[in-house]
Amino acid sequence: APASADVERRGTCAGATFELNVDRERGGWDVDAELEGARAHSDWKVAIRHEGKVVASRTLRADDEGELDLDLFRRDTRGADTFKLTVKPVGGSACSTSLTVR
């Protein structure tokens, strides 16, 4: 069953921990993707899908502490909303997690 607002999912990829957070905000969803524990200054491809459609796709560089962050706002759609986060170190394998909120 879909979860209510303020939901998070975690996973690990190439030694780093990634997290997808979705919070109800202003008639929509505040979507936050975070990565911690990556190699400092390593490049990662980060993609967020909403209802199967890519809504953000970027290559980001981890900071000095091996962290990176991508935030965006999505309007609420009719019924449950499904979000999927995919992270991939450049030159490595992709990892993902998804969640459904209503």
Protein backbone atom coordinates (compact mmCIF):
# COMPACT_ATOMS: atom_id res chain seq x y z
CA ALA A 1 0.00 0.00 0.00
CA PRO A 2 1.22 3.54 -0.68
CA ALA A 3 2.77 5.40 2.22
CA SER A 4 1.62 8.79 3.44
CA ALA A 5 3.74 11.95 3.12
CA ASP A 6 7.19 12.37 4.67
CA VAL A 7 8.68 9.10 3.43
CA GLU A 8 12.26 8.04 2.86
CA ARG A 9 14.02 5.06 1.29
CA ARG A 10 17.73 4.24 1.57
CA GLY A 11 20.19 2.04 -0.23
CA THR A 12 23.90 1.60 -0.86
CA CYS A 13 25.83 1.94 -4.09
CA ALA A 14 29.59 1.64 -4.69
CA GLY A 15 30.25 2.05 -0.95
CA ALA A 16 28.07 5.16 -0.61
CA THR A 17 24.63 5.49 1.01
CA PHE A 18 21.86 7.12 -1.00
CA GLU A 19 18.48 8.34 0.23
CA LEU A 20 15.23 9.45 -1.39
CA ASN A 21 12.99 11.69 0.76
CA VAL A 22 9.51 12.81 -0.29
CA ASP A 23 7.61 15.31 1.87
CA ARG A 24 4.19 16.89 1.29
CA GLU A 25 4.69 20.58 0.59
CA ARG A 26 2.45 23.39 -0.83
CA GLY A 27 0.05 21.15 -2.77
CA GLY A 28 2.80 18.91 -4.05
CA TRP A 29 5.95 17.06 -3.09
CA ASP A 30 9.38 18.23 -1.98
CA VAL A 31 11.71 15.55 -3.39
CA ASP A 32 15.25 15.32 -2.02
CA ALA A 33 17.96 12.92 -3.20
CA GLU A 34 21.11 12.66 -1.08
CA LEU A 35 24.32 10.67 -1.32
CA GLU A 36 26.83 10.26 1.53
CA GLY A 37 30.06 8.34 1.90
CA ALA A 38 31.15 8.59 -1.73
CA ARG A 39 34.77 9.20 -2.70
CA ALA A 40 35.46 12.95 -2.46
CA HIS A 41 35.11 14.71 -5.83
CA SER A 42 33.76 11.59 -7.55
CA ASP A 43 31.16 12.11 -10.31
CA TRP A 44 27.70 10.53 -10.07
CA LYS A 45 24.77 10.40 -12.45
CA VAL A 46 21.56 11.11 -10.51
CA ALA A 47 18.07 10.72 -11.98
CA ILE A 48 14.64 11.16 -10.41
CA ARG A 49 11.48 9.83 -12.04
CA HIS A 50 7.91 10.82 -11.16
CA GLU A 51 5.19 8.52 -12.50
CA GLY A 52 7.82 6.91 -14.77
CA LYS A 53 8.88 10.19 -16.39
CA VAL A 54 12.42 11.53 -15.89
CA VAL A 55 12.00 14.89 -14.12
CA ALA A 56 15.67 15.44 -13.20
CA SER A 57 18.83 13.93 -14.65
CA ARG A 58 22.21 15.40 -13.77
CA THR A 59 25.84 14.48 -13.32
CA LEU A 60 26.92 15.80 -9.92
CA ARG A 61 30.29 15.86 -8.19
CA ALA A 62 30.57 14.79 -4.55
CA ASP A 63 31.98 17.48 -2.27
CA ASP A 64 35.08 17.27 -0.04
CA GLU A 65 33.10 15.11 2.41
CA GLY A 66 31.79 12.74 -0.28
CA GLU A 67 28.25 14.16 -0.24
CA LEU A 68 25.88 15.47 -2.90
CA ASP A 69 22.27 16.60 -2.94
CA LEU A 70 19.52 17.20 -5.51
CA ASP A 71 16.21 18.86 -4.53
CA LEU A 72 13.11 19.54 -6.58
CA PHE A 73 9.39 20.22 -6.26
CA ARG A 74 6.73 18.16 -8.04
CA ARG A 75 3.01 18.84 -8.24
CA ASP A 76 0.72 16.24 -6.75
CA THR A 77 -0.93 14.03 -9.37
CA ARG A 78 -4.29 12.31 -9.13
CA GLY A 79 -4.14 9.24 -6.88
CA ALA A 80 -0.85 7.86 -5.59
CA ASP A 81 2.47 9.33 -6.75
CA THR A 82 5.46 7.10 -7.44
CA PHE A 83 9.04 8.39 -7.34
CA LYS A 84 12.22 6.55 -8.30
CA LEU A 85 15.81 7.60 -7.59
CA THR A 86 18.67 6.12 -9.61
CA VAL A 87 22.30 6.86 -8.73
CA LYS A 88 25.32 5.67 -10.66
CA PRO A 89 29.00 6.41 -10.15
CA VAL A 90 30.42 7.47 -13.53
CA GLY A 91 31.93 4.29 -14.95
CA GLY A 92 30.09 2.07 -12.46
CA SER A 93 26.78 0.27 -12.03
CA ALA A 94 23.43 1.91 -11.34
CA CYS A 95 21.47 1.49 -8.09
CA SER A 96 17.92 2.62 -7.41
CA THR A 97 15.06 2.81 -4.96
CA SER A 98 11.45 3.84 -5.34
CA LEU A 99 8.50 4.79 -3.19
CA THR A 100 4.83 5.55 -3.57
CA VAL A 101 3.01 8.26 -1.61
CA ARG A 102 -0.56 9.51 -1.56
